[in-house]
Amino acid sequence: MEITPSLNTPRKSMKKTLLIAGAAVVVVLGGLGTAYAKFDLFKSAKSVYLQSEAESMMKFSADASKAYGEYEAYMKPYLEKPVHSTTELSEITVDATIPDPQAQKILDMLKSAKLVMQSNIDEQKNQQSGNFEVHLQDKKLATIEYFLNDTLMGFRLPEFYSKYGYIDLKDRDAVKEKLGEELPKRFLTYRDLYTAVAIKEDEVKSIVTPYAMLYASNIKDSQVTMNKEASFSEEGLQANVRELTVTFNQEEATTLVKQLAEKAKADEKLFDLIYSRYHNVSTLMKDSGYPVEEISKDEFKKNYDKSFDDLLADITQTDKNSKDQIKMVVLVDGDHQILSRKLIVNEDNKDDTIWTSVAYSKGADTYYRYTLNAPEEGKEGELSFTYKATEQNGKKAGKVGILIKETKDPVLDFSTTFEVTKQDKKETGVYDFKLVAEDEYSAQPITLSGNVTLSETATENGRDSEGSIKFNFDNPTPDMPKGVSMKLKSKQEFGKALEIPAMSEANAINLATITDQQMMEIQQEAGMALEKFMAENEALVQQFMMP
């Protein structure tokens, strides 16, 4: 049997060996790449810091865009369609002990009272109308009706006088002559002002990005140090992190601020952004007849340049040999998420923390805390905002807090816990809150606590809401109630057209040109209507007349 040797076998083995070796190299390099990206092996402290800042800014921008998009979607029907709303306040209960029996009767009567507010708003046409009704013991007592558009504003009390009283801004000269009041040519709306100052996201990014690049290019490797063995712990989150400290001495801080100021002064895009919004608002106000003294673009530019010239002048007067420092300390996790940030000013070898923040999203948890400190001699100034939420399975629960202090005692301390549940088209929220506020007329602060429940259901053409409000004064004075509670019910319908009544001599009186004869007629008709009202509600009136 002839055996033919295979000359290809060694070559095949070599190829196989090379393939295995190549795969191993790919795995190793891939692992190193992952380690490089994830754990920042071989990266300098400066690179880790700048990448973390970039990642955090992109996340902030994405979160802000998402939140604004949700707000825009919620508000869209209110801006694009007429909206009819009916809101009722009922079961109004005041928990108080009042010696005056007449006053106590009023409080007792509130339990059977109901306040009904109806409003119609058409943002597209800048029109509003509505009424405010007072009901008592299932009977409507009185109504105030109103309407408003660009140039017309009117109201009436139909139970006491049949005609509308109105002011037409076309008669603004007559109003000024009669009452001495300067009225505009048209009434402004929130939408007018929003449109005038609105800024697009891309517009902001294109302007801000060069300043971020300038900041990054000014950071030297020697300014950034890293401690890889640090830890973070707050509100239930514990993590191994890297502590990055960015230090600016007096000369470095001065150089950075000087370059930023010089760039901003010469930045035509930034100037145009600021001036165009000022011009939009000024033009809107001026065209609408509001007293505005708008300065020219050249004058605005002079003031703009002067603000930076003053800053640059102050910078040149700083002592470059000073040992004072500004330090920023950030804690960064393995995903380049900046979990916390501190801004510290060192003067005369004393550290003062002027800003601290914590922000993270981990799984279902989101947490923010922002604190601005203003340390002064003998004071502990602080403004702080905190937010924490856990969202899963259609339920969001958490807490919100606001704290303002000048000394150790708070000027304002507000906190609330909340739980919001979504199911199909219904959203239900329960909010428990507590408030402590400084009282300038008393040594004791005002403290109250309470609860708000609100459920909102999306309907085919609107939203229906109902809920309750209750709050209690923890330390009431003798002249204060112990607590107040009420029920709330609201219905909103989108697309329901509204009509403002046409004003004529038959149904309205122009308050700008009202005559003495018309005033006399109003007094006579209102007087007769009041007598009729007293007669129809005799039992109610007697309750207040009797001791």
Protein backbone atom coordinates (compact mmCIF):
# COMPACT_ATOMS: atom_id res chain seq x y z
CA MET A 1 0.00 0.00 0.00
CA GLU A 2 1.48 3.26 -1.13
CA ILE A 3 1.40 6.09 1.25
CA THR A 4 1.55 9.59 -0.21
CA PRO A 5 2.71 12.19 2.30
CA SER A 6 0.51 15.32 2.59
CA LEU A 7 2.66 18.39 2.03
CA ASN A 8 -0.28 20.72 2.94
CA THR A 9 -0.71 19.54 6.50
CA PRO A 10 1.92 21.79 8.12
CA ARG A 11 0.59 24.79 6.20
CA LYS A 12 -2.97 24.10 7.38
CA SER A 13 -1.76 23.75 10.96
CA MET A 14 0.10 27.03 10.67
CA LYS A 15 -3.03 28.77 9.34
CA LYS A 16 -5.07 27.33 12.17
CA THR A 17 -2.49 28.47 14.69
CA LEU A 18 -2.44 31.97 13.19
CA LEU A 19 -6.24 32.11 13.24
CA ILE A 20 -6.33 31.13 16.91
CA ALA A 21 -3.59 33.61 17.70
CA GLY A 22 -5.40 36.31 15.73
CA ALA A 23 -8.65 35.62 17.55
CA ALA A 24 -6.81 35.81 20.84
CA VAL A 25 -5.30 39.16 19.84
CA VAL A 26 -8.74 40.46 18.86
CA VAL A 27 -10.16 39.34 22.19
CA VAL A 28 -7.29 40.91 24.11
CA LEU A 29 -7.42 44.16 22.17
CA GLY A 30 -11.20 44.22 22.47
CA GLY A 31 -10.88 43.74 26.18
CA LEU A 32 -8.31 46.48 26.38
CA GLY A 33 -10.57 48.73 24.32
CA THR A 34 -13.45 48.05 26.68
CA ALA A 35 -11.22 48.65 29.66
CA TYR A 36 -9.96 51.84 28.05
CA ALA A 37 -13.50 53.13 27.48
CA LYS A 38 -15.04 51.76 30.65
CA PHE A 39 -12.30 52.00 33.21
CA ASP A 40 -10.10 54.67 31.62
CA LEU A 41 -6.90 52.63 31.70
CA PHE A 42 -4.02 54.65 30.25
CA LYS A 43 -6.11 57.84 30.22
CA SER A 44 -4.88 60.96 31.93
CA ALA A 45 -6.89 62.57 34.72
CA LYS A 46 -7.62 65.46 32.36
CA SER A 47 -9.01 63.13 29.67
CA VAL A 48 -11.23 61.34 32.18
CA TYR A 49 -12.51 64.69 33.50
CA LEU A 50 -13.27 66.22 30.09
CA GLN A 51 -14.97 63.06 28.83
CA SER A 52 -17.12 62.97 31.97
CA GLU A 53 -18.13 66.61 31.48
CA ALA A 54 -19.05 65.89 27.85
CA GLU A 55 -21.07 62.80 28.76
CA SER A 56 -22.89 64.65 31.54
CA MET A 57 -23.74 67.59 29.28
CA MET A 58 -25.10 65.29 26.57
CA LYS A 59 -27.22 63.46 29.14
CA PHE A 60 -28.51 66.74 30.57
CA SER A 61 -29.38 67.95 27.07
CA ALA A 62 -31.20 64.68 26.29
CA ASP A 63 -33.14 64.78 29.58
CA ALA A 64 -34.08 68.43 29.07
CA SER A 65 -35.25 67.73 25.50
CA LYS A 66 -37.33 64.78 26.67
CA ALA A 67 -38.95 66.79 29.49
CA TYR A 68 -39.69 69.71 27.18
CA GLY A 69 -41.12 67.37 24.56
CA GLU A 70 -43.50 65.86 27.12
CA TYR A 71 -44.53 69.36 28.27
CA GLU A 72 -45.07 70.45 24.66
CA ALA A 73 -47.24 67.40 23.93
CA TYR A 74 -49.35 68.08 27.04
CA MET A 75 -49.79 71.78 26.20
CA LYS A 76 -50.37 71.34 22.46
CA PRO A 77 -54.20 71.11 22.56
CA TYR A 78 -54.37 74.19 24.82
CA LEU A 79 -52.40 76.22 22.27
CA GLU A 80 -53.99 74.92 19.09
CA LYS A 81 -57.67 74.57 20.04
CA PRO A 82 -60.26 76.51 22.02
CA VAL A 83 -60.55 75.09 25.53
CA HIS A 84 -63.65 75.14 27.71
CA SER A 85 -63.01 74.47 31.41
CA THR A 86 -65.37 74.04 34.32
CA THR A 87 -63.93 73.93 37.83
CA GLU A 88 -65.89 73.38 41.05
CA LEU A 89 -64.75 73.90 44.62
CA SER A 90 -67.09 72.35 47.16
CA GLU A 91 -67.31 70.97 50.71
CA ILE A 92 -65.23 73.89 51.93
CA THR A 93 -64.53 73.23 55.60
CA VAL A 94 -62.69 75.58 57.95
CA ASP A 95 -61.65 73.97 61.24
CA ALA A 96 -61.73 76.91 63.64
CA THR A 97 -63.21 78.00 66.94
CA ILE A 98 -64.48 81.56 66.61
CA PRO A 99 -66.15 83.43 69.51
CA ASP A 100 -68.17 85.62 67.14
CA PRO A 101 -71.39 83.65 66.38
CA GLN A 102 -71.98 85.52 63.13
CA ALA A 103 -68.53 84.66 61.87
CA GLN A 104 -69.06 81.05 62.90
CA LYS A 105 -72.30 80.97 60.87
CA ILE A 106 -70.37 81.98 57.79
CA LEU A 107 -67.86 79.17 58.36
CA ASP A 108 -70.65 76.65 58.86
CA MET A 109 -72.40 77.85 55.72
CA LEU A 110 -69.26 77.34 53.65
CA LYS A 111 -69.78 73.58 53.97
CA SER A 112 -72.87 73.87 51.76
CA ALA A 113 -71.29 76.41 49.42
CA LYS A 114 -69.90 75.72 45.98
CA LEU A 115 -67.74 77.94 43.79
CA VAL A 116 -68.03 77.25 40.07
CA MET A 117 -65.60 78.77 37.58
CA GLN A 118 -66.05 78.43 33.84
CA SER A 119 -63.50 79.67 31.36
CA ASN A 120 -63.14 79.61 27.60
CA ILE A 121 -59.72 80.27 26.08
CA ASP A 122 -58.76 80.43 22.42
CA GLU A 123 -55.02 81.08 22.18
CA GLN A 124 -55.14 81.25 18.39
CA LYS A 125 -57.58 84.17 18.45
CA ASN A 126 -56.37 85.67 21.77
CA GLN A 127 -59.86 85.42 23.21
CA GLN A 128 -61.11 84.56 26.70
CA SER A 129 -64.47 84.47 28.37
CA GLY A 130 -66.00 82.90 31.45
CA ASN A 131 -67.85 83.35 34.69
CA PHE A 132 -67.53 82.87 38.42
CA GLU A 133 -70.58 81.55 40.27
CA VAL A 134 -71.34 81.35 43.98
CA HIS A 135 -73.75 78.55 44.98
CA LEU A 136 -75.20 78.06 48.44
CA GLN A 137 -77.39 75.15 49.53
CA ASP A 138 -77.79 74.02 45.88
CA LYS A 139 -78.89 77.49 44.80
CA LYS A 140 -76.94 79.90 42.61
CA LEU A 141 -76.63 83.22 44.43
CA ALA A 142 -74.50 85.43 42.22
CA THR A 143 -72.43 85.42 39.06
CA ILE A 144 -69.63 87.50 37.60
CA GLU A 145 -69.19 87.18 33.83
CA TYR A 146 -66.14 88.41 31.92
CA PHE A 147 -64.59 88.44 28.46
CA LEU A 148 -61.30 89.57 26.99
CA ASN A 149 -59.64 89.79 23.59
CA ASP A 150 -56.84 91.87 22.06
CA THR A 151 -58.57 95.21 22.55
CA LEU A 152 -61.74 94.61 24.54
CA MET A 153 -62.34 93.79 28.20
CA GLY A 154 -65.75 93.58 29.84
CA PHE A 155 -67.74 92.12 32.73
CA ARG A 156 -71.20 92.09 34.26
CA LEU A 157 -73.09 90.94 37.36
CA PRO A 158 -76.37 89.71 35.80
CA GLU A 159 -78.22 89.34 39.14
CA PHE A 160 -77.67 93.04 39.86
CA TYR A 161 -77.37 94.75 36.47
CA SER A 162 -78.32 93.48 33.05
CA LYS A 163 -75.72 95.27 30.93
CA TYR A 164 -72.00 94.69 30.47
CA GLY A 165 -69.48 97.27 31.52
CA TYR A 166 -66.58 97.29 29.07
CA ILE A 167 -63.43 99.12 28.06
CA ASP A 168 -62.36 99.27 24.44
CA LEU A 169 -58.67 100.05 24.04
CA LYS A 170 -59.55 102.07 20.98
CA ASP A 171 -60.92 104.59 23.51
CA ARG A 172 -57.64 104.73 25.44
CA ASP A 173 -57.36 108.50 24.97
CA ALA A 174 -60.81 109.01 26.49
CA VAL A 175 -59.88 106.76 29.42
CA LYS A 176 -56.71 108.76 30.02
CA GLU A 177 -58.63 112.00 29.95
CA LYS A 178 -61.38 110.74 32.27
CA LEU A 179 -59.42 108.57 34.70
CA GLY A 180 -55.82 109.64 34.13
CA GLU A 181 -54.85 106.02 33.36
CA GLU A 182 -52.58 105.11 30.44
CA LEU A 183 -53.95 101.99 28.73
CA PRO A 184 -52.15 99.90 26.07
CA LYS A 185 -53.35 99.45 22.50
CA ARG A 186 -53.85 95.72 23.05
CA PHE A 187 -53.60 93.22 25.87
CA LEU A 188 -50.58 90.93 25.79
CA THR A 189 -50.79 87.20 26.38
CA TYR A 190 -48.31 84.62 27.66
CA ARG A 191 -48.04 83.28 24.14
CA ASP A 192 -47.01 86.70 22.80
CA LEU A 193 -44.13 86.94 25.28
CA TYR A 194 -43.10 83.30 24.82
CA THR A 195 -42.92 83.73 21.04
CA ALA A 196 -40.80 86.86 21.46
CA VAL A 197 -38.14 85.23 23.66
CA ALA A 198 -38.24 81.59 22.43
CA ILE A 199 -34.82 80.11 21.60
CA LYS A 200 -34.27 76.96 19.56
CA GLU A 201 -32.09 74.20 21.00
CA ASP A 202 -29.76 74.12 17.98
CA GLU A 203 -29.28 77.87 18.29
CA VAL A 204 -28.06 77.49 21.88
CA LYS A 205 -25.76 74.57 21.06
CA SER A 206 -24.04 76.40 18.21
CA ILE A 207 -23.26 79.32 20.51
CA VAL A 208 -22.30 77.42 23.67
CA THR A 209 -20.07 74.78 22.04
CA PRO A 210 -17.10 77.12 21.27
CA TYR A 211 -17.04 78.24 24.91
CA ALA A 212 -16.95 74.64 26.08
CA MET A 213 -14.07 74.00 23.68
CA LEU A 214 -12.25 77.08 24.96
CA TYR A 215 -12.68 75.91 28.55
CA ALA A 216 -11.39 72.43 27.67
CA SER A 217 -8.35 73.81 25.84
CA ASN A 218 -7.43 75.94 28.87
CA ILE A 219 -7.29 72.99 31.26
CA LYS A 220 -3.72 71.76 31.71
CA ASP A 221 -2.82 68.24 32.80
CA SER A 222 -1.19 69.67 35.91
CA GLN A 223 -4.50 71.18 37.04
CA VAL A 224 -6.33 67.85 37.28
CA THR A 225 -5.63 65.14 39.83
CA MET A 226 -7.42 61.82 40.24
CA ASN A 227 -8.06 59.55 43.19
CA LYS A 228 -9.21 56.16 41.86
CA GLU A 229 -10.11 54.79 45.30
CA ALA A 230 -12.90 57.20 46.23
CA SER A 231 -16.49 56.29 47.11
CA PHE A 232 -19.91 57.90 46.77
CA SER A 233 -22.92 57.44 49.03
CA GLU A 234 -26.18 59.42 49.06
CA GLU A 235 -29.88 58.58 49.15
CA GLY A 236 -29.35 54.84 48.94
CA LEU A 237 -26.79 54.80 46.12
CA GLN A 238 -23.32 53.56 46.96
CA ALA A 239 -20.62 53.33 44.32
CA ASN A 240 -16.89 53.12 43.85
CA VAL A 241 -15.88 56.25 41.97
CA ARG A 242 -12.96 58.34 40.87
CA GLU A 243 -12.49 61.70 42.53
CA LEU A 244 -11.26 64.32 40.09
CA THR A 245 -10.06 67.67 41.40
CA VAL A 246 -9.61 70.59 39.01
CA THR A 247 -7.65 73.44 40.56
CA PHE A 248 -7.28 77.00 39.28
CA ASN A 249 -4.78 79.29 40.89
CA GLN A 250 -5.27 83.03 40.63
CA GLU A 251 -3.35 83.37 37.37
CA GLU A 252 -5.06 80.38 35.71
CA ALA A 253 -8.52 81.56 36.74
CA THR A 254 -7.76 85.09 35.54
CA THR A 255 -6.51 83.82 32.18
CA LEU A 256 -9.58 81.65 31.64
CA VAL A 257 -12.08 84.36 32.58
CA LYS A 258 -10.22 86.89 30.43
CA GLN A 259 -10.33 84.65 27.36
CA LEU A 260 -14.01 83.84 27.88
CA ALA A 261 -14.87 87.54 28.33
CA GLU A 262 -12.88 88.58 25.26
CA LYS A 263 -14.53 85.86 23.18
CA ALA A 264 -18.00 86.81 24.40
CA LYS A 265 -17.38 90.48 23.66
CA ALA A 266 -16.41 89.67 20.07
CA ASP A 267 -19.08 86.98 19.63
CA GLU A 268 -21.58 88.37 17.11
CA LYS A 269 -23.83 85.29 17.39
CA LEU A 270 -24.11 85.69 21.15
CA PHE A 271 -24.77 89.40 20.83
CA ASP A 272 -27.40 88.87 18.15
CA LEU A 273 -29.11 86.21 20.28
CA ILE A 274 -29.37 88.56 23.27
CA TYR A 275 -30.21 91.72 21.32
CA SER A 276 -32.80 90.06 19.06
CA ARG A 277 -34.79 88.88 22.10
CA TYR A 278 -34.55 92.32 23.70
CA HIS A 279 -35.67 93.90 20.42
CA ASN A 280 -38.53 91.38 20.03
CA VAL A 281 -39.91 92.14 23.49
CA SER A 282 -39.42 95.90 23.14
CA THR A 283 -41.12 95.93 19.73
CA LEU A 284 -43.98 93.79 21.02
CA MET A 285 -44.50 96.10 24.00
CA LYS A 286 -44.18 99.27 21.92
CA ASP A 287 -46.52 98.06 19.17
CA SER A 288 -49.02 97.04 21.84
CA GLY A 289 -49.00 100.52 23.34
CA TYR A 290 -47.03 99.88 26.53
CA PRO A 291 -44.60 102.62 27.58
CA VAL A 292 -41.15 101.41 26.50
CA GLU A 293 -37.97 103.35 25.86
CA GLU A 294 -36.09 101.07 23.49
CA ILE A 295 -32.45 101.87 22.94
CA SER A 296 -30.89 101.49 19.49
CA LYS A 297 -28.82 98.49 18.47
CA ASP A 298 -25.66 100.63 18.51
CA GLU A 299 -26.40 101.83 22.06
CA PHE A 300 -27.20 98.27 23.15
CA LYS A 301 -23.85 97.14 21.69
CA LYS A 302 -22.04 99.89 23.61
CA ASN A 303 -23.60 98.72 26.87
CA TYR A 304 -22.86 95.10 25.95
CA ASP A 305 -19.19 95.87 25.28
CA LYS A 306 -18.90 98.00 28.42
CA SER A 307 -20.07 95.15 30.65
CA PHE A 308 -17.18 93.01 29.39
CA ASP A 309 -14.74 95.94 29.48
CA ASP A 310 -15.61 96.46 33.15
CA LEU A 311 -15.08 92.76 33.83
CA LEU A 312 -11.74 92.78 32.04
CA ALA A 313 -10.70 95.88 33.98
CA ASP A 314 -11.51 94.13 37.25
CA ILE A 315 -9.50 91.10 36.14
CA THR A 316 -6.38 93.15 35.46
CA GLN A 317 -6.49 94.46 39.03
CA THR A 318 -6.29 90.99 40.57
CA ASP A 319 -3.10 89.96 42.28
CA LYS A 320 -1.51 87.29 40.10
CA ASN A 321 0.77 86.31 42.98
CA SER A 322 -2.15 85.57 45.27
CA LYS A 323 -2.29 82.09 46.77
CA ASP A 324 -6.09 82.00 46.52
CA GLN A 325 -7.55 79.10 44.53
CA ILE A 326 -10.75 77.83 43.01
CA LYS A 327 -11.25 74.08 43.16
CA MET A 328 -13.87 71.89 41.56
CA VAL A 329 -14.23 68.35 42.86
CA VAL A 330 -16.28 65.82 40.88
CA LEU A 331 -17.04 62.16 41.62
CA VAL A 332 -17.32 60.06 38.46
CA ASP A 333 -18.59 56.48 38.08
CA GLY A 334 -17.50 53.86 35.53
CA ASP A 335 -19.97 55.20 32.95
CA HIS A 336 -18.48 58.69 33.08
CA GLN A 337 -21.54 59.93 34.90
CA ILE A 338 -20.70 62.81 37.23
CA LEU A 339 -22.49 61.85 40.43
CA SER A 340 -21.51 64.91 42.46
CA ARG A 341 -19.80 68.25 42.07
CA LYS A 342 -18.39 70.77 44.54
CA LEU A 343 -17.11 74.26 43.83
CA ILE A 344 -14.72 75.48 46.52
CA VAL A 345 -13.14 78.90 46.92
CA ASN A 346 -9.94 79.05 48.96
CA GLU A 347 -9.13 82.49 50.35
CA ASP A 348 -6.54 83.11 53.04
CA ASN A 349 -6.10 79.33 53.38
CA LYS A 350 -9.80 78.89 54.21
CA ASP A 351 -12.08 76.72 52.07
CA ASP A 352 -15.65 77.87 51.45
CA THR A 353 -17.94 75.54 49.50
CA ILE A 354 -20.21 77.75 47.43
CA TRP A 355 -21.91 75.11 45.28
CA THR A 356 -22.68 71.41 45.64
CA SER A 357 -24.75 69.20 43.40
CA VAL A 358 -25.62 65.54 43.11
CA ALA A 359 -27.31 64.07 40.05
CA TYR A 360 -27.69 60.47 38.99
CA SER A 361 -29.98 58.00 37.26
CA LYS A 362 -29.56 54.35 38.20
CA GLY A 363 -32.15 51.85 37.05
CA ALA A 364 -35.55 53.04 38.26
CA ASP A 365 -34.07 55.76 40.53
CA THR A 366 -33.48 59.41 39.68
CA TYR A 367 -32.02 61.87 42.16
CA TYR A 368 -31.02 65.54 42.07
CA ARG A 369 -29.74 67.88 44.75
CA TYR A 370 -28.53 71.40 44.04
CA THR A 371 -27.25 73.66 46.81
CA LEU A 372 -26.01 77.24 46.53
CA ASN A 373 -24.20 78.54 49.61
CA ALA A 374 -23.56 82.21 50.37
CA PRO A 375 -21.39 82.18 53.49
CA GLU A 376 -21.07 85.53 55.25
CA GLU A 377 -19.84 86.62 58.63
CA GLY A 378 -22.36 85.28 61.16
CA LYS A 379 -24.68 83.90 58.45
CA GLU A 380 -25.28 80.57 56.79
CA GLY A 381 -26.97 81.54 53.53
CA GLU A 382 -28.28 78.55 51.57
CA LEU A 383 -30.64 77.82 48.71
CA SER A 384 -31.24 74.13 48.12
CA PHE A 385 -33.46 72.00 45.87
CA THR A 386 -33.78 68.22 46.08
CA TYR A 387 -35.72 65.71 44.00
CA LYS A 388 -35.87 61.93 44.16
CA ALA A 389 -38.13 59.55 42.28
CA THR A 390 -38.44 55.84 41.67
CA GLU A 391 -40.41 54.91 38.56
CA GLN A 392 -41.44 51.37 37.70
CA ASN A 393 -44.53 49.44 36.60
CA GLY A 394 -46.48 52.62 35.83
CA LYS A 395 -45.89 54.14 39.27
CA LYS A 396 -43.63 57.02 40.26
CA ALA A 397 -42.94 57.78 43.92
CA GLY A 398 -40.53 60.20 45.51
CA LYS A 399 -40.00 63.51 47.26
CA VAL A 400 -39.26 67.16 46.49
CA GLY A 401 -37.73 69.72 48.82
CA ILE A 402 -36.88 73.43 48.77
CA LEU A 403 -34.84 75.07 51.54
CA ILE A 404 -33.90 78.74 51.94
CA LYS A 405 -31.76 79.86 54.89
CA GLU A 406 -30.00 83.02 55.99
CA THR A 407 -29.08 81.70 59.43
CA LYS A 408 -29.48 78.25 60.97
CA ASP A 409 -33.25 78.78 61.05
CA PRO A 410 -34.96 78.46 57.66
CA VAL A 411 -36.69 81.32 55.89
CA LEU A 412 -38.57 78.66 53.92
CA ASP A 413 -38.52 74.89 54.25
CA PHE A 414 -40.92 73.07 51.95
CA SER A 415 -41.02 69.31 51.39
CA THR A 416 -43.47 66.94 49.78
CA THR A 417 -43.67 63.23 49.13
CA PHE A 418 -45.63 62.05 46.12
CA GLU A 419 -46.94 58.94 44.46
CA VAL A 420 -48.24 59.07 40.91
CA THR A 421 -49.89 56.07 39.26
CA LYS A 422 -50.72 55.77 35.55
CA GLN A 423 -53.24 53.27 34.26
CA ASP A 424 -54.54 53.46 30.71
CA LYS A 425 -55.78 57.06 30.30
CA LYS A 426 -55.96 57.82 34.02
CA GLU A 427 -53.25 59.36 36.19
CA THR A 428 -53.67 59.62 39.95
CA GLY A 429 -51.37 61.57 42.25
CA VAL A 430 -51.16 61.74 46.04
CA TYR A 431 -49.04 64.51 47.55
CA ASP A 432 -48.25 65.02 51.25
CA PHE A 433 -46.48 68.27 52.07
CA LYS A 434 -45.05 70.25 54.95
CA LEU A 435 -44.15 73.93 55.02
CA VAL A 436 -42.19 76.00 57.53
CA ALA A 437 -41.97 79.72 56.73
CA GLU A 438 -40.53 82.65 58.63
CA ASP A 439 -43.15 85.08 59.97
CA GLU A 440 -41.89 88.66 60.05
CA TYR A 441 -44.62 89.60 62.53
CA SER A 442 -43.97 86.79 64.98
CA ALA A 443 -41.03 85.10 66.63
CA GLN A 444 -42.59 81.73 65.78
CA PRO A 445 -42.53 80.47 62.19
CA ILE A 446 -45.66 79.49 60.29
CA THR A 447 -45.84 75.71 60.05
CA LEU A 448 -48.46 73.78 58.16
CA SER A 449 -48.87 70.35 56.66
CA GLY A 450 -51.38 68.89 54.28
CA ASN A 451 -52.40 66.55 51.55
CA VAL A 452 -53.49 66.90 47.92
CA THR A 453 -55.02 64.12 45.86
CA LEU A 454 -55.72 64.55 42.18
CA SER A 455 -56.76 62.16 39.43
CA GLU A 456 -56.86 63.12 35.76
CA THR A 457 -58.47 61.09 33.00
CA ALA A 458 -57.91 61.75 29.31
CA THR A 459 -61.21 61.74 27.42
CA GLU A 460 -61.93 61.71 23.70
CA ASN A 461 -61.81 65.50 23.48
CA GLY A 462 -60.37 66.73 26.77
CA ARG A 463 -59.46 65.90 30.36
CA ASP A 464 -61.52 65.29 33.50
CA SER A 465 -60.03 65.83 36.96
CA GLU A 466 -61.13 65.48 40.55
CA GLY A 467 -59.40 65.63 43.89
CA SER A 468 -59.19 67.09 47.35
CA ILE A 469 -57.06 69.64 49.18
CA LYS A 470 -56.43 69.67 52.91
CA PHE A 471 -53.95 71.52 55.08
CA ASN A 472 -53.51 72.02 58.82
CA PHE A 473 -51.70 74.73 60.77
CA ASP A 474 -49.45 72.93 63.24
CA ASN A 475 -49.21 75.83 65.71
CA PRO A 476 -52.18 78.12 65.00
CA THR A 477 -52.61 81.38 66.87
CA PRO A 478 -56.04 82.05 68.47
CA ASP A 479 -57.14 84.10 65.46
CA MET A 480 -56.10 81.46 62.91
CA PRO A 481 -57.98 78.35 61.77
CA LYS A 482 -56.59 74.93 62.62
CA GLY A 483 -57.09 73.72 59.07
CA VAL A 484 -58.94 74.04 55.77
CA SER A 485 -60.16 71.38 53.35
CA MET A 486 -62.15 71.30 50.10
CA LYS A 487 -63.07 69.13 47.13
CA LEU A 488 -62.02 69.93 43.58
CA LYS A 489 -63.60 68.87 40.29
CA SER A 490 -62.64 70.01 36.80
CA LYS A 491 -63.61 69.24 33.22
CA GLN A 492 -61.77 70.46 30.12
CA GLU A 493 -63.11 70.18 26.58
CA PHE A 494 -60.90 70.87 23.56
CA GLY A 495 -62.31 72.36 20.38
CA LYS A 496 -65.42 73.92 21.90
CA ALA A 497 -65.69 77.30 20.16
CA LEU A 498 -66.29 80.44 22.17
CA GLU A 499 -68.01 83.65 21.20
CA ILE A 500 -67.53 87.06 22.75
CA PRO A 501 -70.79 89.04 22.77
CA ALA A 502 -70.95 92.04 20.48
CA MET A 503 -71.16 95.28 22.44
CA SER A 504 -74.03 97.69 21.69
CA GLU A 505 -76.04 100.34 23.51
CA ALA A 506 -78.73 97.73 24.18
CA ASN A 507 -76.53 95.37 26.17
CA ALA A 508 -73.46 97.32 27.28
CA ILE A 509 -72.03 100.55 28.66
CA ASN A 510 -68.67 101.90 27.57
CA LEU A 511 -66.90 102.78 30.82
CA ALA A 512 -64.58 105.14 28.95
CA THR A 513 -67.44 107.37 27.87
CA ILE A 514 -70.03 106.72 30.61
CA THR A 515 -72.30 109.70 31.35
CA ASP A 516 -73.88 110.91 34.61
CA GLN A 517 -77.28 109.83 33.28
CA GLN A 518 -76.02 106.30 32.71
CA MET A 519 -74.50 106.24 36.20
CA MET A 520 -77.88 107.17 37.66
CA GLU A 521 -79.61 104.43 35.66
CA ILE A 522 -77.08 101.87 36.92
CA GLN A 523 -77.66 102.90 40.53
CA GLN A 524 -81.43 102.66 40.16
CA GLU A 525 -81.42 99.25 38.48
CA ALA A 526 -78.78 97.85 40.86
CA GLY A 527 -80.74 99.11 43.86
CA MET A 528 -83.94 97.43 42.71
CA ALA A 529 -82.03 94.22 41.94
CA LEU A 530 -80.50 94.25 45.43
CA GLU A 531 -83.94 94.56 47.02
CA LYS A 532 -85.17 91.65 44.90
CA PHE A 533 -82.11 89.60 45.87
CA MET A 534 -82.75 90.27 49.59
CA ALA A 535 -86.39 89.24 49.24
CA GLU A 536 -85.62 86.04 47.36
CA ASN A 537 -82.99 85.10 49.92
CA GLU A 538 -84.80 86.36 53.00
CA ALA A 539 -84.12 83.23 55.05
CA LEU A 540 -80.43 83.43 54.32
CA VAL A 541 -80.28 87.14 55.12
CA GLN A 542 -82.08 86.65 58.42
CA GLN A 543 -79.51 84.12 59.53
CA PHE A 544 -76.89 86.83 59.43
CA MET A 545 -79.12 89.53 60.88
CA MET A 546 -80.10 87.51 63.94
CA PRO A 547 -77.58 87.46 66.81
